[in-house]
Amino acid sequence: MRASVREVAPLSALKIGALLSACIFAAWMVAAALIYIFLGLAGVWDRMNNLLADLIGADHVSAGLYYGVAFGVGLLEFVVVTLFAPVMAVLYNAATGLVGGLRVTIDPERVDEPENVENES
């Protein structure tokens, strides 16, 4: 069986984009925490703080600064991907008028369909 996807609703794309962005944001923050922990265990933060103190007289890089920057980058990603999803849906809808949409082939043998139940009357 062949089918064509001719239109993607921008609101639906926005919802899916927001959900996927939230998952990516959560993974980003977990990765940032793991990187912070491993760099702390390796002594990188101490060496970097000493280097910054020698070069510019800075106090130190704190965990709050690190997580604040990581949160800001993750939030920027969340907003960009969430807003980009409906824009791409609108562009896809415009392109389907030219090329006819995305053609999808579905194998009927592999589709899980409920068995036909005959009513006995």
PDB file of N, CA and C in Angstrom:
ATOM      1  N   MET A   1       0.850  -1.153   0.000  1.00  0.00           N
ATOM      2  CA  MET A   1       0.000   0.000   0.000  1.00  0.00           C
ATOM      3  C   MET A   1       0.909   1.233   0.000  1.00  0.00           C
ATOM      4  N   ARG A   2       0.580   2.201  -0.834  1.00  0.00           N
ATOM      5  CA  ARG A   2       1.345   3.439  -0.894  1.00  0.00           C
ATOM      6  C   ARG A   2       0.471   4.593  -0.448  1.00  0.00           C
ATOM      7  N   ALA A   3       1.074   5.508   0.229  1.00  0.00           N
ATOM      8  CA  ALA A   3       0.358   6.696   0.682  1.00  0.00           C
ATOM      9  C   ALA A   3       1.295   7.887   0.535  1.00  0.00           C
ATOM     10  N   SER A   4       0.723   9.055   0.427  1.00  0.00           N
ATOM     11  CA  SER A   4       1.512  10.279   0.343  1.00  0.00           C
ATOM     12  C   SER A   4       1.149  11.200   1.492  1.00  0.00           C
ATOM     13  N   VAL A   5       2.162  11.744   2.113  1.00  0.00           N
ATOM     14  CA  VAL A   5       1.959  12.743   3.162  1.00  0.00           C
ATOM     15  C   VAL A   5       1.958  14.084   2.456  1.00  0.00           C
ATOM     16  N   ARG A   6       0.788  14.678   2.343  1.00  0.00           N
ATOM     17  CA  ARG A   6       0.638  15.918   1.588  1.00  0.00           C
ATOM     18  C   ARG A   6       0.668  17.157   2.459  1.00  0.00           C
ATOM     19  N   GLU A   7       0.362  17.007   3.726  1.00  0.00           N
ATOM     20  CA  GLU A   7       0.316  18.194   4.585  1.00  0.00           C
ATOM     21  C   GLU A   7       0.687  17.823   6.013  1.00  0.00           C
ATOM     22  N   VAL A   8       1.440  18.695   6.642  1.00  0.00           N
ATOM     23  CA  VAL A   8       1.786  18.569   8.055  1.00  0.00           C
ATOM     24  C   VAL A   8       1.235  19.808   8.745  1.00  0.00           C
ATOM     25  N   ALA A   9       0.418  19.611   9.759  1.00  0.00           N
ATOM     26  CA  ALA A   9      -0.174  20.732  10.478  1.00  0.00           C
ATOM     27  C   ALA A   9       0.917  21.444  11.285  1.00  0.00           C
ATOM     28  N   PRO A  10       1.079  22.762  11.118  1.00  0.00           N
ATOM     29  CA  PRO A  10       2.112  23.488  11.869  1.00  0.00           C
ATOM     30  C   PRO A  10       1.945  23.394  13.386  1.00  0.00           C
ATOM     31  N   LEU A  11       0.716  23.377  13.872  1.00  0.00           N
ATOM     32  CA  LEU A  11       0.502  23.256  15.318  1.00  0.00           C
ATOM     33  C   LEU A  11       0.961  21.892  15.823  1.00  0.00           C
ATOM     34  N   SER A  12       0.703  20.856  15.043  1.00  0.00           N
ATOM     35  CA  SER A  12       1.174  19.522  15.399  1.00  0.00           C
ATOM     36  C   SER A  12       2.702  19.471  15.397  1.00  0.00           C
ATOM     37  N   ALA A  13       3.319  20.095  14.404  1.00  0.00           N
ATOM     38  CA  ALA A  13       4.779  20.148  14.352  1.00  0.00           C
ATOM     39  C   ALA A  13       5.332  20.924  15.542  1.00  0.00           C
ATOM     40  N   LEU A  14       4.636  21.978  15.966  1.00  0.00           N
ATOM     41  CA  LEU A  14       5.056  22.755  17.128  1.00  0.00           C
ATOM     42  C   LEU A  14       5.032  21.893  18.390  1.00  0.00           C
ATOM     43  N   LYS A  15       3.973  21.112  18.567  1.00  0.00           N
ATOM     44  CA  LYS A  15       3.858  20.250  19.745  1.00  0.00           C
ATOM     45  C   LYS A  15       4.955  19.192  19.766  1.00  0.00           C
ATOM     46  N   ILE A  16       5.174  18.535  18.626  1.00  0.00           N
ATOM     47  CA  ILE A  16       6.217  17.512  18.549  1.00  0.00           C
ATOM     48  C   ILE A  16       7.590  18.148  18.740  1.00  0.00           C
ATOM     49  N   GLY A  17       7.808  19.307  18.131  1.00  0.00           N
ATOM     50  CA  GLY A  17       9.080  20.002  18.288  1.00  0.00           C
ATOM     51  C   GLY A  17       9.349  20.383  19.735  1.00  0.00           C
ATOM     52  N   ALA A  18       8.317  20.844  20.441  1.00  0.00           N
ATOM     53  CA  ALA A  18       8.481  21.215  21.846  1.00  0.00           C
ATOM     54  C   ALA A  18       8.787  19.989  22.705  1.00  0.00           C
ATOM     55  N   LEU A  19       8.115  18.889  22.437  1.00  0.00           N
ATOM     56  CA  LEU A  19       8.359  17.665  23.207  1.00  0.00           C
ATOM     57  C   LEU A  19       9.766  17.139  22.968  1.00  0.00           C
ATOM     58  N   LEU A  20      10.183  17.097  21.721  1.00  0.00           N
ATOM     59  CA  LEU A  20      11.529  16.622  21.415  1.00  0.00           C
ATOM     60  C   LEU A  20      12.584  17.582  21.963  1.00  0.00           C
ATOM     61  N   SER A  21      12.321  18.876  21.905  1.00  0.00           N
ATOM     62  CA  SER A  21      13.257  19.856  22.452  1.00  0.00           C
ATOM     63  C   SER A  21      13.398  19.699  23.966  1.00  0.00           C
ATOM     64  N   ALA A  22      12.302  19.401  24.634  1.00  0.00           N
ATOM     65  CA  ALA A  22      12.366  19.189  26.084  1.00  0.00           C
ATOM     66  C   ALA A  22      13.211  17.960  26.409  1.00  0.00           C
ATOM     67  N   CYS A  23      13.081  16.914  25.613  1.00  0.00           N
ATOM     68  CA  CYS A  23      13.901  15.709  25.826  1.00  0.00           C
ATOM     69  C   CYS A  23      15.374  16.010  25.568  1.00  0.00           C
ATOM     70  N   ILE A  24      15.655  16.755  24.519  1.00  0.00           N
ATOM     71  CA  ILE A  24      17.040  17.121  24.210  1.00  0.00           C
ATOM     72  C   ILE A  24      17.605  18.017  25.309  1.00  0.00           C
ATOM     73  N   PHE A  25      16.788  18.932  25.817  1.00  0.00           N
ATOM     74  CA  PHE A  25      17.225  19.819  26.897  1.00  0.00           C
ATOM     75  C   PHE A  25      17.582  19.011  28.143  1.00  0.00           C
ATOM     76  N   ALA A  26      16.746  18.041  28.494  1.00  0.00           N
ATOM     77  CA  ALA A  26      17.023  17.207  29.671  1.00  0.00           C
ATOM     78  C   ALA A  26      18.322  16.430  29.481  1.00  0.00           C
ATOM     79  N   ALA A  27      18.518  15.856  28.294  1.00  0.00           N
ATOM     80  CA  ALA A  27      19.753  15.126  28.019  1.00  0.00           C
ATOM     81  C   ALA A  27      20.957  16.066  28.066  1.00  0.00           C
ATOM     82  N   TRP A  28      20.793  17.286  27.568  1.00  0.00           N
ATOM     83  CA  TRP A  28      21.863  18.278  27.585  1.00  0.00           C
ATOM     84  C   TRP A  28      22.281  18.602  29.020  1.00  0.00           C
ATOM     85  N   MET A  29      21.321  18.797  29.900  1.00  0.00           N
ATOM     86  CA  MET A  29      21.637  19.155  31.281  1.00  0.00           C
ATOM     87  C   MET A  29      22.289  17.980  32.022  1.00  0.00           C
ATOM     88  N   VAL A  30      21.848  16.759  31.739  1.00  0.00           N
ATOM     89  CA  VAL A  30      22.488  15.588  32.351  1.00  0.00           C
ATOM     90  C   VAL A  30      23.929  15.473  31.860  1.00  0.00           C
ATOM     91  N   ALA A  31      24.132  15.681  30.560  1.00  0.00           N
ATOM     92  CA  ALA A  31      25.489  15.627  30.007  1.00  0.00           C
ATOM     93  C   ALA A  31      26.362  16.725  30.616  1.00  0.00           C
ATOM     94  N   ALA A  32      25.810  17.917  30.791  1.00  0.00           N
ATOM     95  CA  ALA A  32      26.571  19.013  31.392  1.00  0.00           C
ATOM     96  C   ALA A  32      26.960  18.665  32.827  1.00  0.00           C
ATOM     97  N   ALA A  33      26.063  18.045  33.571  1.00  0.00           N
ATOM     98  CA  ALA A  33      26.378  17.656  34.949  1.00  0.00           C
ATOM     99  C   ALA A  33      27.474  16.596  34.980  1.00  0.00           C
ATOM    100  N   LEU A  34      27.386  15.614  34.100  1.00  0.00           N
ATOM    101  CA  LEU A  34      28.413  14.571  34.058  1.00  0.00           C
ATOM    102  C   LEU A  34      29.768  15.147  33.667  1.00  0.00           C
ATOM    103  N   ILE A  35      29.781  16.045  32.695  1.00  0.00           N
ATOM    104  CA  ILE A  35      31.043  16.676  32.282  1.00  0.00           C
ATOM    105  C   ILE A  35      31.629  17.479  33.440  1.00  0.00           C
ATOM    106  N   TYR A  36      30.800  18.219  34.152  1.00  0.00           N
ATOM    107  CA  TYR A  36      31.282  19.003  35.296  1.00  0.00           C
ATOM    108  C   TYR A  36      31.897  18.094  36.360  1.00  0.00           C
ATOM    109  N   ILE A  37      31.227  16.998  36.644  1.00  0.00           N
ATOM    110  CA  ILE A  37      31.728  16.063  37.659  1.00  0.00           C
ATOM    111  C   ILE A  37      33.064  15.453  37.222  1.00  0.00           C
ATOM    112  N   PHE A  38      33.128  14.979  35.977  1.00  0.00           N
ATOM    113  CA  PHE A  38      34.357  14.338  35.501  1.00  0.00           C
ATOM    114  C   PHE A  38      35.517  15.331  35.408  1.00  0.00           C
ATOM    115  N   LEU A  39      35.244  16.549  34.988  1.00  0.00           N
ATOM    116  CA  LEU A  39      36.312  17.553  34.960  1.00  0.00           C
ATOM    117  C   LEU A  39      36.768  17.907  36.370  1.00  0.00           C
ATOM    118  N   GLY A  40      35.849  17.892  37.331  1.00  0.00           N
ATOM    119  CA  GLY A  40      36.223  18.130  38.727  1.00  0.00           C
ATOM    120  C   GLY A  40      37.092  17.010  39.276  1.00  0.00           C
ATOM    121  N   LEU A  41      36.745  15.776  38.946  1.00  0.00           N
ATOM    122  CA  LEU A  41      37.542  14.640  39.393  1.00  0.00           C
ATOM    123  C   LEU A  41      38.943  14.657  38.774  1.00  0.00           C
ATOM    124  N   ALA A  42      39.050  15.138  37.554  1.00  0.00           N
ATOM    125  CA  ALA A  42      40.341  15.196  36.867  1.00  0.00           C
ATOM    126  C   ALA A  42      41.169  16.394  37.303  1.00  0.00           C
ATOM    127  N   GLY A  43      40.585  17.308  38.063  1.00  0.00           N
ATOM    128  CA  GLY A  43      41.322  18.469  38.544  1.00  0.00           C
ATOM    129  C   GLY A  43      41.407  19.611  37.543  1.00  0.00           C
ATOM    130  N   VAL A  44      40.596  19.553  36.509  1.00  0.00           N
ATOM    131  CA  VAL A  44      40.639  20.593  35.478  1.00  0.00           C
ATOM    132  C   VAL A  44      40.158  21.930  36.023  1.00  0.00           C
ATOM    133  N   TRP A  45      39.134  21.925  36.857  1.00  0.00           N
ATOM    134  CA  TRP A  45      38.596  23.186  37.375  1.00  0.00           C
ATOM    135  C   TRP A  45      39.627  23.917  38.226  1.00  0.00           C
ATOM    136  N   ASP A  46      40.387  23.172  39.040  1.00  0.00           N
ATOM    137  CA  ASP A  46      41.418  23.813  39.867  1.00  0.00           C
ATOM    138  C   ASP A  46      42.497  24.449  38.997  1.00  0.00           C
ATOM    139  N   ARG A  47      42.947  23.712  37.990  1.00  0.00           N
ATOM    140  CA  ARG A  47      43.976  24.260  37.102  1.00  0.00           C
ATOM    141  C   ARG A  47      43.454  25.465  36.325  1.00  0.00           C
ATOM    142  N   MET A  48      42.207  25.400  35.892  1.00  0.00           N
ATOM    143  CA  MET A  48      41.645  26.520  35.142  1.00  0.00           C
ATOM    144  C   MET A  48      41.474  27.743  36.045  1.00  0.00           C
ATOM    145  N   ASN A  49      41.051  27.541  37.269  1.00  0.00           N
ATOM    146  CA  ASN A  49      40.917  28.666  38.204  1.00  0.00           C
ATOM    147  C   ASN A  49      42.270  29.309  38.491  1.00  0.00           C
ATOM    148  N   ASN A  50      43.310  28.486  38.630  1.00  0.00           N
ATOM    149  CA  ASN A  50      44.665  29.033  38.841  1.00  0.00           C
ATOM    150  C   ASN A  50      45.121  29.823  37.619  1.00  0.00           C
ATOM    151  N   LEU A  51      44.851  29.306  36.428  1.00  0.00           N
ATOM    152  CA  LEU A  51      45.235  29.990  35.199  1.00  0.00           C
ATOM    153  C   LEU A  51      44.500  31.323  35.070  1.00  0.00           C
ATOM    154  N   LEU A  52      43.193  31.331  35.340  1.00  0.00           N
ATOM    155  CA  LEU A  52      42.420  32.572  35.266  1.00  0.00           C
ATOM    156  C   LEU A  52      42.899  33.589  36.300  1.00  0.00           C
ATOM    157  N   ALA A  53      43.264  33.110  37.488  1.00  0.00           N
ATOM    158  CA  ALA A  53      43.768  34.018  38.520  1.00  0.00           C
ATOM    159  C   ALA A  53      45.087  34.640  38.083  1.00  0.00           C
ATOM    160  N   ASP A  54      45.949  33.861  37.439  1.00  0.00           N
ATOM    161  CA  ASP A  54      47.237  34.378  36.966  1.00  0.00           C
ATOM    162  C   ASP A  54      47.077  35.343  35.795  1.00  0.00           C
ATOM    163  N   LEU A  55      46.166  35.034  34.884  1.00  0.00           N
ATOM    164  CA  LEU A  55      46.026  35.840  33.668  1.00  0.00           C
ATOM    165  C   LEU A  55      45.246  37.131  33.884  1.00  0.00           C
ATOM    166  N   ILE A  56      44.074  37.028  34.471  1.00  0.00           N
ATOM    167  CA  ILE A  56      43.207  38.209  34.550  1.00  0.00           C
ATOM    168  C   ILE A  56      42.786  38.554  35.973  1.00  0.00           C
ATOM    169  N   GLY A  57      43.264  37.811  36.937  1.00  0.00           N
ATOM    170  CA  GLY A  57      42.910  38.110  38.320  1.00  0.00           C
ATOM    171  C   GLY A  57      41.482  37.730  38.660  1.00  0.00           C
ATOM    172  N   ALA A  58      40.877  36.867  37.857  1.00  0.00           N
ATOM    173  CA  ALA A  58      39.498  36.441  38.112  1.00  0.00           C
ATOM    174  C   ALA A  58      39.456  35.560  39.352  1.00  0.00           C
ATOM    175  N   ASP A  59      38.318  35.582  39.992  1.00  0.00           N
ATOM    176  CA  ASP A  59      38.175  34.814  41.224  1.00  0.00           C
ATOM    177  C   ASP A  59      38.214  33.317  40.924  1.00  0.00           C
ATOM    178  N   HIS A  60      37.170  32.799  40.305  1.00  0.00           N
ATOM    179  CA  HIS A  60      37.133  31.397  39.905  1.00  0.00           C
ATOM    180  C   HIS A  60      35.867  31.129  39.086  1.00  0.00           C
ATOM    181  N   VAL A  61      35.868  30.007  38.413  1.00  0.00           N
ATOM    182  CA  VAL A  61      34.682  29.563  37.683  1.00  0.00           C
ATOM    183  C   VAL A  61      33.872  28.717  38.655  1.00  0.00           C
ATOM    184  N   SER A  62      32.694  29.185  38.971  1.00  0.00           N
ATOM    185  CA  SER A  62      31.865  28.476  39.944  1.00  0.00           C
ATOM    186  C   SER A  62      30.919  27.512  39.245  1.00  0.00           C
ATOM    187  N   ALA A  63      30.361  26.632  40.034  1.00  0.00           N
ATOM    188  CA  ALA A  63      29.375  25.691  39.492  1.00  0.00           C
ATOM    189  C   ALA A  63      28.144  26.449  38.997  1.00  0.00           C
ATOM    190  N   GLY A  64      27.787  27.521  39.699  1.00  0.00           N
ATOM    191  CA  GLY A  64      26.626  28.309  39.276  1.00  0.00           C
ATOM    192  C   GLY A  64      26.837  28.945  37.915  1.00  0.00           C
ATOM    193  N   LEU A  65      28.033  29.447  37.667  1.00  0.00           N
ATOM    194  CA  LEU A  65      28.339  30.028  36.363  1.00  0.00           C
ATOM    195  C   LEU A  65      28.303  28.963  35.283  1.00  0.00           C
ATOM    196  N   TYR A  66      28.909  27.815  35.559  1.00  0.00           N
ATOM    197  CA  TYR A  66      28.940  26.716  34.587  1.00  0.00           C
ATOM    198  C   TYR A  66      27.522  26.257  34.237  1.00  0.00           C
ATOM    199  N   TYR A  67      26.717  25.986  35.264  1.00  0.00           N
ATOM    200  CA  TYR A  67      25.356  25.508  35.007  1.00  0.00           C
ATOM    201  C   TYR A  67      24.475  26.609  34.420  1.00  0.00           C
ATOM    202  N   GLY A  68      24.749  27.848  34.762  1.00  0.00           N
ATOM    203  CA  GLY A  68      24.000  28.949  34.168  1.00  0.00           C
ATOM    204  C   GLY A  68      24.230  29.050  32.667  1.00  0.00           C
ATOM    205  N   VAL A  69      25.497  28.912  32.257  1.00  0.00           N
ATOM    206  CA  VAL A  69      25.803  28.936  30.826  1.00  0.00           C
ATOM    207  C   VAL A  69      25.211  27.716  30.134  1.00  0.00           C
ATOM    208  N   ALA A  70      25.335  26.541  30.753  1.00  0.00           N
ATOM    209  CA  ALA A  70      24.769  25.321  30.159  1.00  0.00           C
ATOM    210  C   ALA A  70      23.247  25.442  30.029  1.00  0.00           C
ATOM    211  N   PHE A  71      22.596  25.999  31.050  1.00  0.00           N
ATOM    212  CA  PHE A  71      21.148  26.192  31.005  1.00  0.00           C
ATOM    213  C   PHE A  71      20.769  27.189  29.903  1.00  0.00           C
ATOM    214  N   GLY A  72      21.533  28.269  29.780  1.00  0.00           N
ATOM    215  CA  GLY A  72      21.249  29.262  28.741  1.00  0.00           C
ATOM    216  C   GLY A  72      21.375  28.693  27.341  1.00  0.00           C
ATOM    217  N   VAL A  73      22.432  27.902  27.106  1.00  0.00           N
ATOM    218  CA  VAL A  73      22.605  27.278  25.793  1.00  0.00           C
ATOM    219  C   VAL A  73      21.481  26.279  25.526  1.00  0.00           C
ATOM    220  N   GLY A  74      21.111  25.492  26.540  1.00  0.00           N
ATOM    221  CA  GLY A  74      20.013  24.530  26.388  1.00  0.00           C
ATOM    222  C   GLY A  74      18.679  25.212  26.144  1.00  0.00           C
ATOM    223  N   LEU A  75      18.451  26.331  26.824  1.00  0.00           N
ATOM    224  CA  LEU A  75      17.209  27.082  26.631  1.00  0.00           C
ATOM    225  C   LEU A  75      17.143  27.682  25.230  1.00  0.00           C
ATOM    226  N   LEU A  76      18.275  28.181  24.750  1.00  0.00           N
ATOM    227  CA  LEU A  76      18.332  28.701  23.388  1.00  0.00           C
ATOM    228  C   LEU A  76      18.016  27.604  22.375  1.00  0.00           C
ATOM    229  N   GLU A  77      18.576  26.420  22.588  1.00  0.00           N
ATOM    230  CA  GLU A  77      18.281  25.276  21.711  1.00  0.00           C
ATOM    231  C   GLU A  77      16.800  24.938  21.749  1.00  0.00           C
ATOM    232  N   PHE A  78      16.219  24.928  22.938  1.00  0.00           N
ATOM    233  CA  PHE A  78      14.801  24.600  23.088  1.00  0.00           C
ATOM    234  C   PHE A  78      13.933  25.568  22.278  1.00  0.00           C
ATOM    235  N   VAL A  79      14.202  26.856  22.417  1.00  0.00           N
ATOM    236  CA  VAL A  79      13.402  27.867  21.721  1.00  0.00           C
ATOM    237  C   VAL A  79      13.586  27.758  20.203  1.00  0.00           C
ATOM    238  N   VAL A  80      14.830  27.619  19.762  1.00  0.00           N
ATOM    239  CA  VAL A  80      15.098  27.578  18.322  1.00  0.00           C
ATOM    240  C   VAL A  80      14.454  26.357  17.671  1.00  0.00           C
ATOM    241  N   VAL A  81      14.641  25.184  18.254  1.00  0.00           N
ATOM    242  CA  VAL A  81      14.077  23.959  17.658  1.00  0.00           C
ATOM    243  C   VAL A  81      12.557  23.985  17.711  1.00  0.00           C
ATOM    244  N   THR A  82      11.996  24.456  18.829  1.00  0.00           N
ATOM    245  CA  THR A  82      10.539  24.509  18.952  1.00  0.00           C
ATOM    246  C   THR A  82       9.925  25.452  17.914  1.00  0.00           C
ATOM    247  N   LEU A  83      10.530  26.600  17.696  1.00  0.00           N
ATOM    248  CA  LEU A  83       9.990  27.550  16.721  1.00  0.00           C
ATOM    249  C   LEU A  83      10.333  27.164  15.283  1.00  0.00           C
ATOM    250  N   PHE A  84      11.393  26.398  15.102  1.00  0.00           N
ATOM    251  CA  PHE A  84      11.805  25.994  13.762  1.00  0.00           C
ATOM    252  C   PHE A  84      10.896  24.892  13.206  1.00  0.00           C
ATOM    253  N   ALA A  85      10.315  24.061  14.073  1.00  0.00           N
ATOM    254  CA  ALA A  85       9.487  22.940  13.633  1.00  0.00           C
ATOM    255  C   ALA A  85       8.261  23.391  12.834  1.00  0.00           C
ATOM    256  N   PRO A  86       7.444  24.353  13.297  1.00  0.00           N
ATOM    257  CA  PRO A  86       6.302  24.757  12.480  1.00  0.00           C
ATOM    258  C   PRO A  86       6.705  25.495  11.204  1.00  0.00           C
ATOM    259  N   VAL A  87       7.837  26.193  11.242  1.00  0.00           N
ATOM    260  CA  VAL A  87       8.318  26.854  10.022  1.00  0.00           C
ATOM    261  C   VAL A  87       8.647  25.804   8.970  1.00  0.00           C
ATOM    262  N   MET A  88       9.282  24.724   9.394  1.00  0.00           N
ATOM    263  CA  MET A  88       9.598  23.643   8.456  1.00  0.00           C
ATOM    264  C   MET A  88       8.325  22.961   7.958  1.00  0.00           C
ATOM    265  N   ALA A  89       7.292  22.868   8.798  1.00  0.00           N
ATOM    266  CA  ALA A  89       6.024  22.287   8.359  1.00  0.00           C
ATOM    267  C   ALA A  89       5.387  23.154   7.278  1.00  0.00           C
ATOM    268  N   VAL A  90       5.440  24.462   7.447  1.00  0.00           N
ATOM    269  CA  VAL A  90       4.888  25.373   6.429  1.00  0.00           C
ATOM    270  C   VAL A  90       5.678  25.257   5.137  1.00  0.00           C
ATOM    271  N   LEU A  91       6.996  25.180   5.230  1.00  0.00           N
ATOM    272  CA  LEU A  91       7.821  25.013   4.027  1.00  0.00           C
ATOM    273  C   LEU A  91       7.550  23.671   3.353  1.00  0.00           C
ATOM    274  N   TYR A  92       7.361  22.626   4.148  1.00  0.00           N
ATOM    275  CA  TYR A  92       7.027  21.316   3.581  1.00  0.00           C
ATOM    276  C   TYR A  92       5.684  21.375   2.856  1.00  0.00           C
ATOM    277  N   ASN A  93       4.701  22.009   3.476  1.00  0.00           N
ATOM    278  CA  ASN A  93       3.387  22.121   2.846  1.00  0.00           C
ATOM    279  C   ASN A  93       3.476  22.884   1.531  1.00  0.00           C
ATOM    280  N   ALA A  94       4.316  23.902   1.468  1.00  0.00           N
ATOM    281  CA  ALA A  94       4.488  24.656   0.225  1.00  0.00           C
ATOM    282  C   ALA A  94       5.172  23.797  -0.833  1.00  0.00           C
ATOM    283  N   ALA A  95       6.129  22.984  -0.408  1.00  0.00           N
ATOM    284  CA  ALA A  95       6.864  22.145  -1.357  1.00  0.00           C
ATOM    285  C   ALA A  95       6.007  21.006  -1.892  1.00  0.00           C
ATOM    286  N   THR A  96       5.042  20.533  -1.119  1.00  0.00           N
ATOM    287  CA  THR A  96       4.210  19.438  -1.602  1.00  0.00           C
ATOM    288  C   THR A  96       3.340  19.856  -2.773  1.00  0.00           C
ATOM    289  N   GLY A  97       3.063  21.133  -2.888  1.00  0.00           N
ATOM    290  CA  GLY A  97       2.324  21.608  -4.054  1.00  0.00           C
ATOM    291  C   GLY A  97       3.131  21.456  -5.329  1.00  0.00           C
ATOM    292  N   LEU A  98       4.438  21.462  -5.207  1.00  0.00           N
ATOM    293  CA  LEU A  98       5.308  21.317  -6.376  1.00  0.00           C
ATOM    294  C   LEU A  98       5.645  19.868  -6.695  1.00  0.00           C
ATOM    295  N   VAL A  99       5.941  19.083  -5.676  1.00  0.00           N
ATOM    296  CA  VAL A  99       6.438  17.725  -5.914  1.00  0.00           C
ATOM    297  C   VAL A  99       5.461  16.631  -5.499  1.00  0.00           C
ATOM    298  N   GLY A 100       4.386  16.960  -4.842  1.00  0.00           N
ATOM    299  CA  GLY A 100       3.367  15.958  -4.545  1.00  0.00           C
ATOM    300  C   GLY A 100       3.475  15.286  -3.193  1.00  0.00           C
ATOM    301  N   GLY A 101       4.382  15.670  -2.351  1.00  0.00           N
ATOM    302  CA  GLY A 101       4.441  15.117  -1.007  1.00  0.00           C
ATOM    303  C   GLY A 101       5.433  13.983  -0.863  1.00  0.00           C
ATOM    304  N   LEU A 102       5.514  13.469   0.332  1.00  0.00           N
ATOM    305  CA  LEU A 102       6.412  12.385   0.685  1.00  0.00           C
ATOM    306  C   LEU A 102       5.684  11.074   0.470  1.00  0.00           C
ATOM    307  N   ARG A 103       6.245  10.210  -0.344  1.00  0.00           N
ATOM    308  CA  ARG A 103       5.605   8.926  -0.636  1.00  0.00           C
ATOM    309  C   ARG A 103       6.092   7.891   0.364  1.00  0.00           C
ATOM    310  N   VAL A 104       5.144   7.235   0.995  1.00  0.00           N
ATOM    311  CA  VAL A 104       5.433   6.230   2.016  1.00  0.00           C
ATOM    312  C   VAL A 104       4.806   4.922   1.570  1.00  0.00           C
ATOM    313  N   THR A 105       5.570   3.837   1.649  1.00  0.00           N
ATOM    314  CA  THR A 105       5.049   2.513   1.320  1.00  0.00           C
ATOM    315  C   THR A 105       4.837   1.756   2.616  1.00  0.00           C
ATOM    316  N   ILE A 106       3.637   1.223   2.785  1.00  0.00           N
ATOM    317  CA  ILE A 106       3.281   0.488   3.995  1.00  0.00           C
ATOM    318  C   ILE A 106       3.030  -0.959   3.601  1.00  0.00           C
ATOM    319  N   ASP A 107       3.706  -1.866   4.288  1.00  0.00           N
ATOM    320  CA  ASP A 107       3.538  -3.286   4.027  1.00  0.00           C
ATOM    321  C   ASP A 107       2.348  -3.778   4.829  1.00  0.00           C
ATOM    322  N   PRO A 108       1.262  -4.181   4.143  1.00  0.00           N
ATOM    323  CA  PRO A 108       0.054  -4.572   4.886  1.00  0.00           C
ATOM    324  C   PRO A 108       0.260  -5.812   5.761  1.00  0.00           C
ATOM    325  N   GLU A 109       1.239  -6.647   5.448  1.00  0.00           N
ATOM    326  CA  GLU A 109       1.461  -7.841   6.250  1.00  0.00           C
ATOM    327  C   GLU A 109       2.067  -7.509   7.607  1.00  0.00           C
ATOM    328  N   ARG A 110       2.716  -6.386   7.702  1.00  0.00           N
ATOM    329  CA  ARG A 110       3.386  -6.023   8.946  1.00  0.00           C
ATOM    330  C   ARG A 110       2.589  -5.045   9.790  1.00  0.00           C
ATOM    331  N   VAL A 111       1.484  -4.593   9.324  1.00  0.00           N
ATOM    332  CA  VAL A 111       0.665  -3.650  10.079  1.00  0.00           C
ATOM    333  C   VAL A 111      -0.167  -4.428  11.084  1.00  0.00           C
ATOM    334  N   ASP A 112      -0.100  -3.997  12.335  1.00  0.00           N
ATOM    335  CA  ASP A 112      -0.901  -4.642  13.373  1.00  0.00           C
ATOM    336  C   ASP A 112      -2.312  -4.074  13.319  1.00  0.00           C
ATOM    337  N   GLU A 113      -3.209  -4.872  12.819  1.00  0.00           N
ATOM    338  CA  GLU A 113      -4.607  -4.464  12.740  1.00  0.00           C
ATOM    339  C   GLU A 113      -5.416  -5.358  13.656  1.00  0.00           C
ATOM    340  N   PRO A 114      -6.436  -4.794  14.264  1.00  0.00           N
ATOM    341  CA  PRO A 114      -7.298  -5.652  15.094  1.00  0.00           C
ATOM    342  C   PRO A 114      -8.039  -6.641  14.196  1.00  0.00           C
ATOM    343  N   GLU A 115      -8.225  -7.826  14.742  1.00  0.00           N
ATOM    344  CA  GLU A 115      -8.915  -8.847  13.963  1.00  0.00           C
ATOM    345  C   GLU A 115     -10.372  -8.448  13.773  1.00  0.00           C
ATOM    346  N   ASN A 116     -10.900  -8.818  12.624  1.00  0.00           N
ATOM    347  CA  ASN A 116     -12.308  -8.533  12.342  1.00  0.00           C
ATOM    348  C   ASN A 116     -13.183  -9.384  13.217  1.00  0.00           C
ATOM    349  N   VAL A 117     -14.077  -8.742  13.887  1.00  0.00           N
ATOM    350  CA  VAL A 117     -15.015  -9.465  14.753  1.00  0.00           C
ATOM    351  C   VAL A 117     -16.365  -9.398  14.069  1.00  0.00           C
ATOM    352  N   GLU A 118     -16.883 -10.564  13.747  1.00  0.00           N
ATOM    353  CA  GLU A 118     -18.185 -10.616  13.085  1.00  0.00           C
ATOM    354  C   GLU A 118     -19.288 -10.663  14.128  1.00  0.00           C
ATOM    355  N   ASN A 119     -20.256  -9.833  13.901  1.00  0.00           N
ATOM    356  CA  ASN A 119     -21.406  -9.829  14.803  1.00  0.00           C
ATOM    357  C   ASN A 119     -22.316 -10.980  14.455  1.00  0.00           C
ATOM    358  N   GLU A 120     -22.634 -11.761  15.461  1.00  0.00           N
ATOM    359  CA  GLU A 120     -23.548 -12.873  15.230  1.00  0.00           C
ATOM    360  C   GLU A 120     -24.954 -12.400  15.546  1.00  0.00           C
ATOM    361  N   SER A 121     -25.786 -12.401  14.541  1.00  0.00           N
ATOM    362  CA  SER A 121     -27.165 -11.959  14.754  1.00  0.00           C
ATOM    363  C   SER A 121     -28.116 -13.058  14.403  1.00  0.00           C
TER     364      SER A 121
END
